[in-house]
Amino acid sequence: MPYLDLPGPLGFAHRGGAAAGDENTTAAFARAVDLGYRYIETDTHATADGVPVVFHDDTLQRMLGRPGRMVDVTWADLASVRVGGAAAVPRLDEVLDAWPDVRFNIDCKTDAAVTPTVDAVRRAGAEDRVLLASFSSARLTRIRREAGPRVATSVGMREVTALWAGSMTGRPVRVADSVVAVQIPPRYGRLTLARPRFIDYLHRLGLHVHLWTIDDPVQIGHFLDLGVDGIMTDHIEVLRDVYHARGIWNPA
């Protein structure tokens, strides 16, 4: 799919570079793009009136310092919250329109956000430059049904479990046609996922392997040596410097 046709390994600015503190904002995304990032990881929720917004948490407290849940507020409520003259919580369509050459990895955080997110991607004509993700395999099934086979997706944890079992037996596991990548943490509970056998197995199935969230330069180098195809990081300068030192930084 076109989403993955840029030279790798890929570098993803996780929430635009969450280490700076202003995650999932237009300022964070602009900072990552200015550093040369071509891929940005972000999250979507839907407001009470069905507007897809770029935000990670279910509640407003951590990022906005106020009580309440995202699902209970309207877009008008959020639009009045400004930081430096810009909306503290941007709409997904605004973000897609602002950076037409950037590829977005979008984690759909709730069932209510599925249809608004897919509709925003379609209205922006961004089908070829987004990957839709979720921890929930059931939610991803619905995302694939609504988005169609043209939009790239990753896999949920139920599918990761099936793929892991397949790697132990050597038997291929079929995934949906739109799946292009398996996006995982290095460890899940007591299980080490980022190991050569699993990575090689996924590569044999024709899938990318993307790891989140890696901030230490030594670990970034270690996982690159294992052959992963992309790394998500909160510390965007750190990952950029490691990639640059290895001659694999391909800035926009």
Foldseek 3Di string as FASTA:
>chain_A
DLQPPDFDLAEEQEQLQCVVPLGVDPVSVVVLQVLFHQEYEWEWDAACVGFTKTDDDQFDCPNPNDGDGRNDHDPVVQQVPDDPRHGSIGTPLVVCVVCVRHAYEYEYEDLSNQVNVLVSCVVSVNQSRYEYEYQDQVSVVVNCVSNDLSHAYAHHPVVVVVLVVCLVVVHDDDDDNRYAAHEEACDDVPRGCLDLSSCVSCVVVNHAYEYDEDEDLVVLVVSVVSPHSYHYYSHSVSNQVSCVVVVNDDGD
